[in-house]
Protein backbone atom coordinates (compact mmCIF):
# COMPACT_ATOMS: atom_id res chain seq x y z
CA MET A 1 57.00 5.76 25.79
CA MET A 2 53.73 7.03 24.23
CA GLY A 3 52.92 10.69 24.97
CA LYS A 4 49.53 12.31 25.50
CA SER A 5 49.37 13.47 21.90
CA ALA A 6 49.72 9.90 20.64
CA LEU A 7 47.11 8.62 23.09
CA GLY A 8 44.71 11.27 21.87
CA PHE A 9 45.26 10.18 18.27
CA VAL A 10 44.02 6.61 18.80
CA PRO A 11 40.33 7.49 19.32
CA LEU A 12 40.49 9.72 16.25
CA LEU A 13 41.72 6.81 14.15
CA VAL A 14 38.90 4.64 15.51
CA VAL A 15 36.31 7.30 14.70
CA LEU A 16 37.63 7.68 11.16
CA ALA A 17 37.64 3.92 10.64
CA LEU A 18 34.07 3.58 11.89
CA ALA A 19 32.96 6.45 9.67
CA GLY A 20 34.54 4.75 6.68
CA CYS A 21 32.74 1.47 7.50
CA GLY A 22 29.42 3.27 7.70
CA ALA A 23 29.87 4.86 4.30
CA GLU A 24 30.62 1.52 2.67
CA SER A 25 28.06 -0.64 4.51
CA GLY A 26 25.93 -1.32 1.47
CA GLY A 27 28.51 -1.22 -1.25
CA GLY A 28 26.25 0.74 -3.62
CA SER A 29 25.11 4.26 -4.38
CA GLU A 30 21.86 3.72 -2.51
CA GLU A 31 23.74 3.07 0.71
CA SER A 32 25.93 6.15 0.96
CA GLY A 33 25.67 9.32 2.99
CA GLY A 34 22.97 11.32 4.75
CA ARG A 35 19.97 12.62 2.83
CA VAL A 36 17.23 15.19 3.30
CA VAL A 37 13.86 13.89 2.14
CA LYS A 38 11.08 16.42 1.52
CA HIS A 39 7.61 15.15 2.40
CA ALA A 40 4.09 16.28 3.29
CA MET A 41 5.06 17.56 6.74
CA GLY A 42 8.39 19.15 5.88
CA GLU A 43 11.81 17.54 5.69
CA ALA A 44 13.43 14.51 7.28
CA GLU A 45 17.17 13.92 7.55
CA ILE A 46 17.96 10.26 6.98
CA SER A 47 21.38 8.67 7.30
CA GLY A 48 22.25 5.99 4.77
CA THR A 49 19.84 3.13 4.26
CA PRO A 50 17.36 2.63 7.12
CA GLU A 51 17.38 -0.82 8.67
CA ASN A 52 14.85 -0.54 11.53
CA VAL A 53 11.73 0.70 9.77
CA VAL A 54 8.27 1.12 11.28
CA VAL A 55 5.25 1.49 8.99
CA LEU A 56 1.87 2.80 10.07
CA ASP A 57 -0.43 1.83 7.19
CA THR A 58 -0.96 -1.02 4.76
CA GLY A 59 0.37 0.89 1.76
CA GLU A 60 3.60 1.65 3.57
CA LEU A 61 3.90 -2.02 4.52
CA ASP A 62 3.42 -3.07 0.89
CA SER A 63 5.99 -0.51 -0.30
CA ALA A 64 8.64 -1.60 2.19
CA MET A 65 8.28 -5.30 1.52
CA THR A 66 8.07 -4.76 -2.24
CA LEU A 67 11.43 -3.01 -1.98
CA GLY A 68 12.93 -5.88 -0.01
CA VAL A 69 12.70 -4.22 3.41
CA SER A 70 11.07 -6.19 6.24
CA PRO A 71 9.90 -3.62 8.81
CA VAL A 72 10.65 -4.18 12.48
CA GLY A 73 7.17 -2.91 13.32
CA SER A 74 3.81 -2.34 11.66
CA VAL A 75 0.24 -1.54 12.57
CA GLU A 76 -2.75 -3.70 11.70
CA ALA A 77 -5.76 -2.34 9.84
CA VAL A 78 -8.03 -3.84 12.49
CA ASP A 79 -6.93 -5.17 15.86
CA GLY A 80 -6.47 -8.94 15.71
CA LEU A 81 -6.82 -9.34 11.94
CA GLY A 82 -3.07 -9.42 11.29
CA TYR A 83 -1.24 -8.17 8.23
CA PRO A 84 -2.51 -8.46 4.62
CA SER A 85 -2.58 -12.14 3.71
CA TYR A 86 -0.95 -11.71 0.29
CA LEU A 87 2.33 -10.48 1.81
CA GLU A 88 4.91 -13.16 2.58
CA GLY A 89 7.44 -12.88 5.39
CA THR A 90 5.42 -10.81 7.88
CA ASP A 91 5.71 -13.28 10.79
CA GLY A 92 8.64 -11.50 12.43
CA ILE A 93 7.13 -8.00 12.27
CA GLU A 94 6.23 -6.55 15.67
CA ASN A 95 2.64 -5.35 16.07
CA VAL A 96 2.62 -1.68 17.12
CA GLY A 97 -1.13 -1.14 17.32
CA THR A 98 -3.72 -0.28 14.67
CA ILE A 99 -3.83 2.33 11.93
CA GLU A 100 -6.35 4.25 14.02
CA GLN A 101 -4.30 4.01 17.21
CA PRO A 102 -0.56 3.34 16.90
CA ASN A 103 1.22 2.53 20.16
CA LEU A 104 3.95 5.14 20.56
CA GLU A 105 5.68 3.27 23.38
CA LYS A 106 5.98 0.12 21.28
CA ILE A 107 7.26 2.14 18.34
CA ALA A 108 9.92 3.85 20.46
CA ALA A 109 11.00 0.53 22.01
CA LEU A 110 11.91 -0.77 18.53
CA GLU A 111 14.42 2.08 18.12
CA PRO A 112 13.48 2.74 14.49
CA ASP A 113 15.64 4.75 12.14
CA LEU A 114 12.65 5.57 9.88
CA ILE A 115 8.87 5.82 10.31
CA LEU A 116 6.53 5.89 7.30
CA SER A 117 2.91 7.06 7.25
CA SER A 118 0.71 9.84 5.85
CA ARG A 119 -0.71 13.18 6.90
CA LEU A 120 -4.19 11.75 6.31
CA ARG A 121 -3.68 9.05 8.92
CA HIS A 122 -1.40 10.49 11.56
CA GLU A 123 -0.94 14.25 11.26
CA LYS A 124 -1.88 14.70 14.93
CA ILE A 125 1.00 12.54 16.19
CA TYR A 126 3.63 13.59 13.66
CA ASP A 127 5.61 15.63 16.19
CA GLN A 128 5.71 12.72 18.62
CA LEU A 129 6.76 10.30 15.89
CA SER A 130 9.47 12.59 14.57
CA GLU A 131 10.95 12.79 18.09
CA ILE A 132 11.35 9.00 17.99
CA ALA A 133 12.93 8.76 14.52
CA PRO A 134 13.06 10.49 11.12
CA THR A 135 9.47 10.39 9.92
CA VAL A 136 8.31 10.68 6.30
CA PHE A 137 4.65 11.34 5.48
CA THR A 138 2.84 11.25 2.17
CA GLU A 139 -0.12 13.61 1.87
CA THR A 140 -2.79 10.94 1.55
CA THR A 141 -3.30 7.33 0.49
CA GLY A 142 -5.21 5.33 -2.11
CA VAL A 143 -5.27 6.99 -5.52
CA THR A 144 -1.79 8.50 -5.00
CA TRP A 145 -0.21 5.09 -4.38
CA LYS A 146 2.35 5.40 -7.18
CA GLU A 147 3.62 8.78 -6.01
CA ASN A 148 3.62 7.47 -2.44
CA PHE A 149 5.74 4.51 -3.50
CA ASP A 150 8.32 6.84 -5.04
CA LEU A 151 8.56 8.80 -1.77
CA HIS A 152 8.80 5.60 0.27
CA ALA A 153 11.59 4.40 -2.02
CA GLU A 154 13.47 7.68 -1.61
CA ALA A 155 13.18 7.49 2.18
CA LEU A 156 14.25 3.83 2.20
CA ASN A 157 17.13 4.58 -0.19
CA LYS A 158 15.79 2.08 -2.71
CA THR A 159 15.12 4.20 -5.78
CA GLN A 160 16.90 1.86 -8.19
CA LYS A 161 14.85 -1.09 -6.95
CA ALA A 162 11.70 1.04 -7.25
CA GLU A 163 12.37 1.72 -10.93
CA GLN A 164 12.65 -2.01 -11.54
CA VAL A 165 9.37 -2.68 -9.73
CA GLU A 166 7.57 -0.02 -11.74
CA GLU A 167 8.91 -1.37 -15.03
CA GLU A 168 7.75 -4.89 -14.16
CA TYR A 169 4.27 -3.60 -13.34
CA GLU A 170 4.03 -1.79 -16.66
CA GLU A 171 5.12 -4.96 -18.44
CA SER A 172 2.41 -7.00 -16.72
CA ILE A 173 -0.20 -4.37 -17.67
CA ASP A 174 0.99 -4.43 -21.29
CA GLU A 175 0.77 -8.23 -21.35
CA PHE A 176 -2.78 -8.11 -19.96
CA GLU A 177 -3.90 -5.57 -22.54
CA GLY A 178 -2.30 -7.66 -25.28
CA GLU A 179 -4.29 -10.70 -24.20
CA MET A 180 -7.57 -8.83 -23.67
CA SER A 181 -10.11 -8.59 -26.46
CA GLU A 182 -10.58 -5.37 -28.40
CA ASP A 183 -13.98 -4.97 -26.73
CA PRO A 184 -13.21 -5.36 -23.01
CA PRO A 185 -16.05 -5.65 -20.50
CA GLU A 186 -17.25 -2.82 -18.27
CA VAL A 187 -15.93 -3.57 -14.81
CA SER A 188 -17.83 -2.73 -11.64
CA VAL A 189 -16.29 -2.92 -8.15
CA VAL A 190 -18.40 -3.26 -5.00
CA ARG A 191 -17.12 -3.57 -1.45
CA PHE A 192 -19.18 -4.87 1.47
CA LEU A 193 -18.26 -3.62 4.95
CA PRO A 194 -20.01 -3.67 8.33
CA GLY A 195 -22.87 -1.20 7.89
CA ASP A 196 -21.62 0.14 4.55
CA THR A 197 -21.67 -0.79 0.86
CA ARG A 198 -19.25 1.05 -1.40
CA ILE A 199 -19.25 1.37 -5.17
CA TYR A 200 -15.68 2.17 -6.18
CA GLN A 201 -14.93 4.85 -8.74
CA LYS A 202 -11.78 5.99 -10.55
CA GLY A 203 -10.26 8.06 -7.75
CA SER A 204 -9.12 5.00 -5.81
CA PHE A 205 -6.30 2.48 -5.74
CA ILE A 206 -8.33 -0.11 -7.64
CA GLY A 207 -9.67 2.58 -9.97
CA THR A 208 -6.16 3.47 -11.13
CA ILE A 209 -5.27 -0.17 -11.85
CA LEU A 210 -8.42 -0.73 -13.91
CA GLU A 211 -7.65 2.45 -15.86
CA ASP A 212 -4.05 1.31 -16.41
CA ALA A 213 -5.43 -1.96 -17.73
CA GLY A 214 -7.68 -0.17 -20.22
CA LEU A 215 -10.89 -1.51 -18.69
CA PRO A 216 -14.01 0.66 -19.07
CA ARG A 217 -16.25 1.44 -16.10
CA PRO A 218 -20.04 1.77 -15.83
CA GLU A 219 -21.27 5.37 -16.05
CA SER A 220 -21.83 5.65 -12.29
CA GLN A 221 -18.22 4.65 -11.65
CA ASP A 222 -16.54 6.44 -14.56
CA VAL A 223 -15.82 9.58 -12.52
CA GLU A 224 -12.72 10.82 -10.68
CA ASP A 225 -14.27 10.46 -7.22
CA PHE A 226 -13.28 7.84 -4.64
CA ALA A 227 -16.51 5.88 -4.18
CA ILE A 228 -20.24 6.02 -3.60
CA LEU A 229 -20.38 5.47 0.16
CA ASN A 230 -23.25 3.97 2.13
CA ALA A 231 -24.90 2.78 -1.05
CA SER A 232 -28.43 1.73 -0.23
CA GLN A 233 -30.40 -1.01 -1.94
CA GLU A 234 -32.02 1.64 -4.14
CA LEU A 235 -28.56 2.26 -5.64
CA ILE A 236 -28.05 -1.37 -6.68
CA PRO A 237 -28.55 -0.48 -10.40
CA LYS A 238 -25.38 1.67 -10.13
CA MET A 239 -23.48 -1.50 -9.20
CA GLY A 240 -24.14 -3.08 -12.56
CA GLY A 241 -21.55 -3.79 -15.25
CA ASP A 242 -20.58 -6.55 -17.64
CA VAL A 243 -18.52 -7.95 -14.78
CA ILE A 244 -18.83 -7.22 -11.06
CA PHE A 245 -15.93 -7.76 -8.67
CA THR A 246 -16.86 -7.83 -4.99
CA THR A 247 -14.78 -7.77 -1.82
CA ILE A 248 -15.68 -8.26 1.84
CA TYR A 249 -14.06 -6.33 4.69
CA GLY A 250 -14.56 -7.76 8.15
CA PRO A 251 -16.63 -10.76 9.30
CA GLU A 252 -18.92 -11.72 6.42
CA ASN A 253 -22.02 -12.03 8.63
CA ASP A 254 -21.55 -8.45 9.84
CA THR A 255 -21.34 -6.88 6.40
CA THR A 256 -24.02 -5.61 4.03
CA GLN A 257 -23.43 -8.39 1.51
CA GLN A 258 -26.49 -10.47 2.36
CA ASN A 259 -28.86 -7.49 2.27
CA ILE A 260 -27.63 -6.44 -1.17
CA MET A 261 -27.33 -9.85 -2.79
CA SER A 262 -30.75 -11.01 -1.60
CA ASP A 263 -32.48 -7.98 -3.10
CA PRO A 264 -34.47 -8.50 -6.34
CA LEU A 265 -32.68 -5.50 -7.90
CA TRP A 266 -29.35 -7.30 -7.48
CA ARG A 267 -30.64 -10.47 -9.09
CA LYS A 268 -31.78 -8.43 -12.11
CA LEU A 269 -28.28 -7.10 -12.84
CA GLU A 270 -26.92 -8.46 -16.13
CA ALA A 271 -23.63 -9.60 -14.57
CA VAL A 272 -25.57 -11.54 -11.93
CA GLU A 273 -27.79 -13.17 -14.54
CA GLN A 274 -24.74 -14.05 -16.63
CA GLU A 275 -22.91 -15.40 -13.53
CA ARG A 276 -20.09 -12.92 -13.97
CA VAL A 277 -19.82 -11.80 -10.35
CA TYR A 278 -16.46 -12.64 -8.80
CA GLU A 279 -15.43 -12.29 -5.16
CA VAL A 280 -11.79 -11.26 -4.83
CA SER A 281 -9.41 -10.54 -1.96
CA ASP A 282 -10.12 -7.36 -0.04
CA ASP A 283 -6.48 -7.36 1.10
CA LEU A 284 -5.33 -7.15 -2.51
CA TRP A 285 -7.98 -4.95 -4.08
CA MET A 286 -8.60 -2.52 -1.22
CA LEU A 287 -6.05 -2.67 1.61
CA GLY A 288 -2.77 -3.34 -0.23
CA ILE A 289 -2.35 0.02 -1.93
CA GLY A 290 1.08 -0.85 -3.35
CA TYR A 291 2.84 -2.57 -6.22
CA THR A 292 2.77 -6.11 -4.79
CA ALA A 293 -0.97 -5.78 -4.27
CA ALA A 294 -1.35 -4.28 -7.74
CA ASP A 295 0.44 -7.26 -9.26
CA GLY A 296 -2.03 -9.54 -7.46
CA VAL A 297 -4.94 -7.56 -8.89
CA VAL A 298 -3.53 -7.94 -12.40
CA ASP A 299 -3.27 -11.69 -11.79
CA ASP A 300 -6.97 -11.70 -10.85
CA LEU A 301 -7.86 -9.74 -13.98
CA ASN A 302 -6.02 -12.31 -16.07
CA GLN A 303 -7.78 -15.17 -14.32
CA PHE A 304 -11.32 -13.83 -14.51
CA LEU A 305 -11.25 -11.81 -17.75
CA VAL A 306 -8.54 -13.17 -20.03
CA ASP A 307 -8.94 -16.84 -19.18
CA GLU A 308 -12.72 -16.69 -19.53
CA GLN A 309 -12.30 -15.51 -23.11
């Protein structure tokens, strides 16, 4: 006959067995144990490798999917526009609002074990998010995308995969530079938005990639700032370069593109006269802010600069 002491021992065995299963769930060093991740808002305690991840910006979405993690939930940049078109496998990701206004109820309903965002975007709701799940924030977005990726990888327990991704990016940059002529063209980047034209400078996601690729910038863009915002038609000369890449954010008819491109100053730009103005994906060049997007940008640079040689 089994006594009380033996009956009390059975649950203990079950607990120990379950604990052992949890520690071995991934079979690798990235899967084991709890971790404390330091981030822009403090520290987050994360157990093992998160499986139900919610991301609240496009860079975080790129990072997760680059590292082989399909989030259970993500915001959209703009309501109704969906996720960046260059990312494959986003169909099953639950929409939890927009970057500007995440839906906390939808996030909580997904029972995440990790939330990724930045202080820049969501500092005001950090406390509410961290009550739902461990929450890791970068300080900002854009120009810091490489550092952000490293933090995302640490939170996701994918640092080994991250190192591989970074090495592959460096290899693609080296290949591009090897194929490019010794006198590369000055590259200008202009973005058309509803009510705003932006001339992108070095302190931006796309600015860092162009610098990695060894591509010079026109004088107006060869500074460490983010961009010239609300660029009027009088500033069209600052958009000039040997090559101009343009992107469009939002419905084309609502953007400033037509006003700029119909102006005589635009038509006088050397790149326009030489027919070296190329429209590229805004999702890749502006919204992606991660390594998969960066790889797509390098592909574009090969297509429009190397192949044209």
